[in-house]
C-alpha atoms as a PDB file:
ATOM      1  CA  MET A   1       0.150   0.050  -0.054  1.00  0.00           C
ATOM      2  CA  ASN A   2       2.707   2.402   0.969  1.00  0.00           C
ATOM      3  CA  GLU A   3       0.235   5.283   1.417  1.00  0.00           C
ATOM      4  CA  VAL A   4       0.579   7.527   4.413  1.00  0.00           C
ATOM      5  CA  TYR A   5      -2.596   9.193   5.680  1.00  0.00           C
ATOM      6  CA  GLU A   6      -2.343  12.386   7.652  1.00  0.00           C
ATOM      7  CA  TYR A   7      -5.162  14.416   9.261  1.00  0.00           C
ATOM      8  CA  ARG A   8      -4.246  17.870  10.454  1.00  0.00           C
ATOM      9  CA  ARG A   9      -6.526  20.280  12.414  1.00  0.00           C
ATOM     10  CA  ALA A  10      -5.335  23.769  12.386  1.00  0.00           C
ATOM     11  CA  PRO A  11      -5.775  25.668  15.677  1.00  0.00           C
ATOM     12  CA  ASN A  12      -9.002  27.782  15.769  1.00  0.00           C
ATOM     13  CA  LEU A  13      -8.061  31.541  15.518  1.00  0.00           C
ATOM     14  CA  TRP A  14     -11.568  32.653  15.703  1.00  0.00           C
ATOM     15  CA  VAL A  15     -11.420  33.670  19.388  1.00  0.00           C
ATOM     16  CA  MET A  16      -8.575  36.097  18.671  1.00  0.00           C
ATOM     17  CA  ARG A  17     -10.294  37.538  15.652  1.00  0.00           C
ATOM     18  CA  LEU A  18     -13.388  38.094  17.535  1.00  0.00           C
ATOM     19  CA  SER A  19     -11.406  39.659  20.448  1.00  0.00           C
ATOM     20  CA  VAL A  20      -9.752  42.004  17.998  1.00  0.00           C
ATOM     21  CA  VAL A  21     -13.064  43.243  16.408  1.00  0.00           C
ATOM     22  CA  SER A  22     -14.585  43.521  19.953  1.00  0.00           C
ATOM     23  CA  LEU A  23     -11.449  45.654  20.948  1.00  0.00           C
ATOM     24  CA  ALA A  24     -11.764  47.851  17.893  1.00  0.00           C
ATOM     25  CA  LEU A  25     -15.440  48.303  18.331  1.00  0.00           C
ATOM     26  CA  LEU A  26     -14.841  49.214  22.158  1.00  0.00           C
ATOM     27  CA  ILE A  27     -12.292  51.683  21.309  1.00  0.00           C
ATOM     28  CA  MET A  28     -14.721  53.339  18.732  1.00  0.00           C
ATOM     29  CA  VAL A  29     -17.332  53.407  21.434  1.00  0.00           C
ATOM     30  CA  ILE A  30     -15.174  55.257  23.844  1.00  0.00           C
ATOM     31  CA  ALA A  31     -13.775  57.665  21.216  1.00  0.00           C
ATOM     32  CA  LEU A  32     -17.371  58.493  19.767  1.00  0.00           C
ATOM     33  CA  THR A  33     -19.363  58.704  23.301  1.00  0.00           C
ATOM     34  CA  GLY A  34     -16.675  59.700  25.630  1.00  0.00           C
ATOM     35  CA  ALA A  35     -17.316  56.723  27.904  1.00  0.00           C
ATOM     36  CA  HIS A  36     -13.984  56.888  29.504  1.00  0.00           C
ATOM     37  CA  HIS A  37     -15.128  54.597  32.414  1.00  0.00           C
ATOM     38  CA  LEU A  38     -14.822  51.793  29.741  1.00  0.00           C
ATOM     39  CA  THR A  39     -11.198  52.419  29.100  1.00  0.00           C
ATOM     40  CA  ALA A  40      -9.860  49.964  31.938  1.00  0.00           C
ATOM     41  CA  LEU A  41     -12.122  47.260  29.895  1.00  0.00           C
ATOM     42  CA  ALA A  42     -10.334  48.087  26.745  1.00  0.00           C
ATOM     43  CA  TRP A  43      -7.019  47.896  28.288  1.00  0.00           C
ATOM     44  CA  GLY A  44      -7.877  44.504  29.712  1.00  0.00           C
ATOM     45  CA  LEU A  45      -9.264  43.172  26.543  1.00  0.00           C
ATOM     46  CA  GLY A  46      -6.183  44.405  24.712  1.00  0.00           C
ATOM     47  CA  ALA A  47      -3.960  42.609  27.124  1.00  0.00           C
ATOM     48  CA  ALA A  48      -5.896  39.336  26.839  1.00  0.00           C
ATOM     49  CA  THR A  49      -5.906  39.496  23.104  1.00  0.00           C
ATOM     50  CA  LEU A  50      -2.074  40.074  23.237  1.00  0.00           C
ATOM     51  CA  TYR A  51      -1.532  37.205  25.501  1.00  0.00           C
ATOM     52  CA  TRP A  52      -3.736  34.921  23.284  1.00  0.00           C
ATOM     53  CA  MET A  53      -1.673  35.823  20.189  1.00  0.00           C
ATOM     54  CA  LEU A  54       1.491  35.109  22.123  1.00  0.00           C
ATOM     55  CA  LEU A  55       0.234  31.428  23.174  1.00  0.00           C
ATOM     56  CA  PRO A  56       1.448  28.482  21.028  1.00  0.00           C
ATOM     57  CA  HIS A  57      -1.414  27.067  19.018  1.00  0.00           C
ATOM     58  CA  PRO A  58      -0.029  23.472  17.958  1.00  0.00           C
ATOM     59  CA  VAL A  59      -1.430  21.622  15.152  1.00  0.00           C
ATOM     60  CA  SER A  60      -3.375  18.594  16.049  1.00  0.00           C
ATOM     61  CA  GLY A  61      -3.932  15.322  14.186  1.00  0.00           C
ATOM     62  CA  ILE A  62      -3.090  11.682  13.536  1.00  0.00           C
ATOM     63  CA  ARG A  63      -0.831   9.862  11.013  1.00  0.00           C
ATOM     64  CA  VAL A  64      -1.367   6.374   9.734  1.00  0.00           C
ATOM     65  CA  ASP A  65       1.101   4.456   7.595  1.00  0.00           C
ATOM     66  CA  ASP A  66       1.332   0.568   6.901  1.00  0.00           C
ATOM     67  CA  ASN A  67       2.983  -0.033  10.185  1.00  0.00           C
ATOM     68  CA  TYR A  68       1.892   2.655  12.759  1.00  0.00           C
ATOM     69  CA  LEU A  69      -0.795   4.775  13.953  1.00  0.00           C
ATOM     70  CA  VAL A  70       0.612   8.048  15.317  1.00  0.00           C
ATOM     71  CA  LEU A  71      -1.404   9.989  17.897  1.00  0.00           C
ATOM     72  CA  ALA A  72      -0.921  13.620  18.459  1.00  0.00           C
ATOM     73  CA  ALA A  73       1.505  13.467  15.422  1.00  0.00           C
ATOM     74  CA  TRP A  74       2.493  17.318  15.482  1.00  0.00           C
ATOM     75  CA  ARG A  75       2.516  17.920  19.104  1.00  0.00           C
ATOM     76  CA  ARG A  76       3.981  14.851  21.078  1.00  0.00           C
ATOM     77  CA  PRO A  77       4.043  11.904  18.608  1.00  0.00           C
ATOM     78  CA  ARG A  78       3.145   8.502  19.885  1.00  0.00           C
ATOM     79  CA  ALA A  79       3.430   5.757  17.636  1.00  0.00           C
ATOM     80  CA  ILE A  80       1.378   2.587  18.104  1.00  0.00           C
ATOM     81  CA  PRO A  81       2.232  -0.393  15.978  1.00  0.00           C
ATOM     82  CA  LEU A  82      -1.038  -1.517  13.989  1.00  0.00           C
ATOM     83  CA  ASP A  83       0.049  -5.103  14.678  1.00  0.00           C
ATOM     84  CA  ASN A  84      -0.669  -4.467  18.360  1.00  0.00           C
ATOM     85  CA  ILE A  85      -4.271  -3.056  17.717  1.00  0.00           C
ATOM     86  CA  ALA A  86      -7.237  -5.575  17.722  1.00  0.00           C
ATOM     87  CA  TYR A  87      -9.966  -2.935  16.883  1.00  0.00           C
ATOM     88  CA  LEU A  88     -11.174   0.691  17.658  1.00  0.00           C
ATOM     89  CA  ARG A  89     -14.228   1.039  19.818  1.00  0.00           C
ATOM     90  CA  ILE A  90     -16.456   4.078  19.087  1.00  0.00           C
ATOM     91  CA  THR A  91     -18.824   5.241  21.879  1.00  0.00           C
ATOM     92  CA  GLU A  92     -21.090   7.891  20.960  1.00  0.00           C
ATOM     93  CA  VAL A  93     -21.491  10.384  23.870  1.00  0.00           C
ATOM     94  CA  SER A  94     -23.666  13.421  23.284  1.00  0.00           C
ATOM     95  CA  ALA A  95     -22.546  15.321  20.300  1.00  0.00           C
ATOM     96  CA  GLU A  96     -19.202  13.753  20.161  1.00  0.00           C
ATOM     97  CA  CYS A  97     -17.861  10.213  19.551  1.00  0.00           C
ATOM     98  CA  THR A  98     -15.016   8.922  21.788  1.00  0.00           C
ATOM     99  CA  VAL A  99     -12.565   6.433  20.185  1.00  0.00           C
ATOM    100  CA  THR A 100     -10.827   3.726  22.241  1.00  0.00           C
ATOM    101  CA  ILE A 101      -8.041   1.662  21.089  1.00  0.00           C
ATOM    102  CA  VAL A 102      -8.304  -1.905  22.167  1.00  0.00           C
ATOM    103  CA  TYR A 103      -5.085  -3.950  22.059  1.00  0.00           C
ATOM    104  CA  LYS A 104      -4.776  -7.630  21.304  1.00  0.00           C
ATOM    105  CA  ASP A 105      -3.577  -8.227  24.865  1.00  0.00           C
ATOM    106  CA  GLY A 106      -6.872  -6.726  26.188  1.00  0.00           C
ATOM    107  CA  ARG A 107      -5.512  -3.345  27.316  1.00  0.00           C
ATOM    108  CA  GLU A 108      -7.494  -0.355  26.427  1.00  0.00           C
ATOM    109  CA  GLU A 109      -6.450   3.179  25.641  1.00  0.00           C
ATOM    110  CA  GLY A 110      -8.626   6.433  25.145  1.00  0.00           C
ATOM    111  CA  THR A 111      -7.673   8.833  22.422  1.00  0.00           C
ATOM    112  CA  PHE A 112      -8.090  12.590  22.280  1.00  0.00           C
ATOM    113  CA  ALA A 113     -11.152  13.518  20.046  1.00  0.00           C
ATOM    114  CA  GLY A 114      -9.594  16.713  18.831  1.00  0.00           C
ATOM    115  CA  ASP A 115      -6.923  14.780  17.163  1.00  0.00           C
ATOM    116  CA  LEU A 116      -9.246  12.477  15.148  1.00  0.00           C
ATOM    117  CA  PRO A 117     -10.887  12.975  11.736  1.00  0.00           C
ATOM    118  CA  SER A 118     -14.530  12.177  11.116  1.00  0.00           C
ATOM    119  CA  ILE A 119     -15.628   8.579  12.005  1.00  0.00           C
ATOM    120  CA  GLU A 120     -16.306   7.841   8.366  1.00  0.00           C
ATOM    121  CA  ALA A 121     -12.812   8.794   7.287  1.00  0.00           C
ATOM    122  CA  LEU A 122     -11.133   6.998  10.222  1.00  0.00           C
ATOM    123  CA  SER A 123     -13.171   3.982   9.477  1.00  0.00           C
ATOM    124  CA  ASP A 124     -11.985   4.052   5.723  1.00  0.00           C
ATOM    125  CA  VAL A 125      -8.210   4.514   6.703  1.00  0.00           C
ATOM    126  CA  MET A 126      -8.260   1.798   9.428  1.00  0.00           C
ATOM    127  CA  ALA A 127     -10.332  -0.609   7.228  1.00  0.00           C
ATOM    128  CA  GLU A 128      -7.554  -0.366   4.451  1.00  0.00           C
ATOM    129  CA  ARG A 129      -5.078  -1.580   7.088  1.00  0.00           C
ATOM    130  CA  GLY A 130      -7.153  -4.351   8.343  1.00  0.00           C
ATOM    131  CA  ILE A 131      -8.321  -2.768  11.702  1.00  0.00           C
ATOM    132  CA  PRO A 132     -12.021  -2.897  12.196  1.00  0.00           C
ATOM    133  CA  LEU A 133     -14.043  -0.107  14.118  1.00  0.00           C
ATOM    134  CA  ARG A 134     -16.666  -1.389  16.497  1.00  0.00           C
ATOM    135  CA  GLU A 135     -19.595   0.602  18.019  1.00  0.00           C
ATOM    136  CA  SER A 136     -20.261   0.568  21.645  1.00  0.00           C
ATOM    137  CA  TYR A 137     -23.676   1.148  22.877  1.00  0.00           C
ATOM    138  CA  LEU A 138     -24.206   2.430  26.466  1.00  0.00           C
ATOM    139  CA  GLY A 139     -27.353   0.556  26.959  1.00  0.00           C
ATOM    140  CA  LEU A 140     -29.515   3.659  27.436  1.00  0.00           C
END
């Protein structure tokens, strides 16, 4: 096969954009209305926006090749040999699905939902490599 599947999720910068727009509107309101009692709020929002801009925003995702499933591939990569994986168990919890790796020796390991692609894409990629996905029902 020799095909490498990579899923990358870029950091969400909408919080910073919203903060910058809010800061610009707040400064405009202060300038037009003379509401100088809001100056401290503008300084605080400006400091929070600057702080958010300086924080690192790592890329999340996984990488799958013929031999390994690499979790957190662009932050702290952790390679799991595909030969050790029995199946992936999917549990639907509210609006999100959780994926648990079940090893052949019976151990289980949870995954970070933010690193994973859609269940359909994950199913296709893992099926190509002979690893099934099974659904787990909570019995509600």
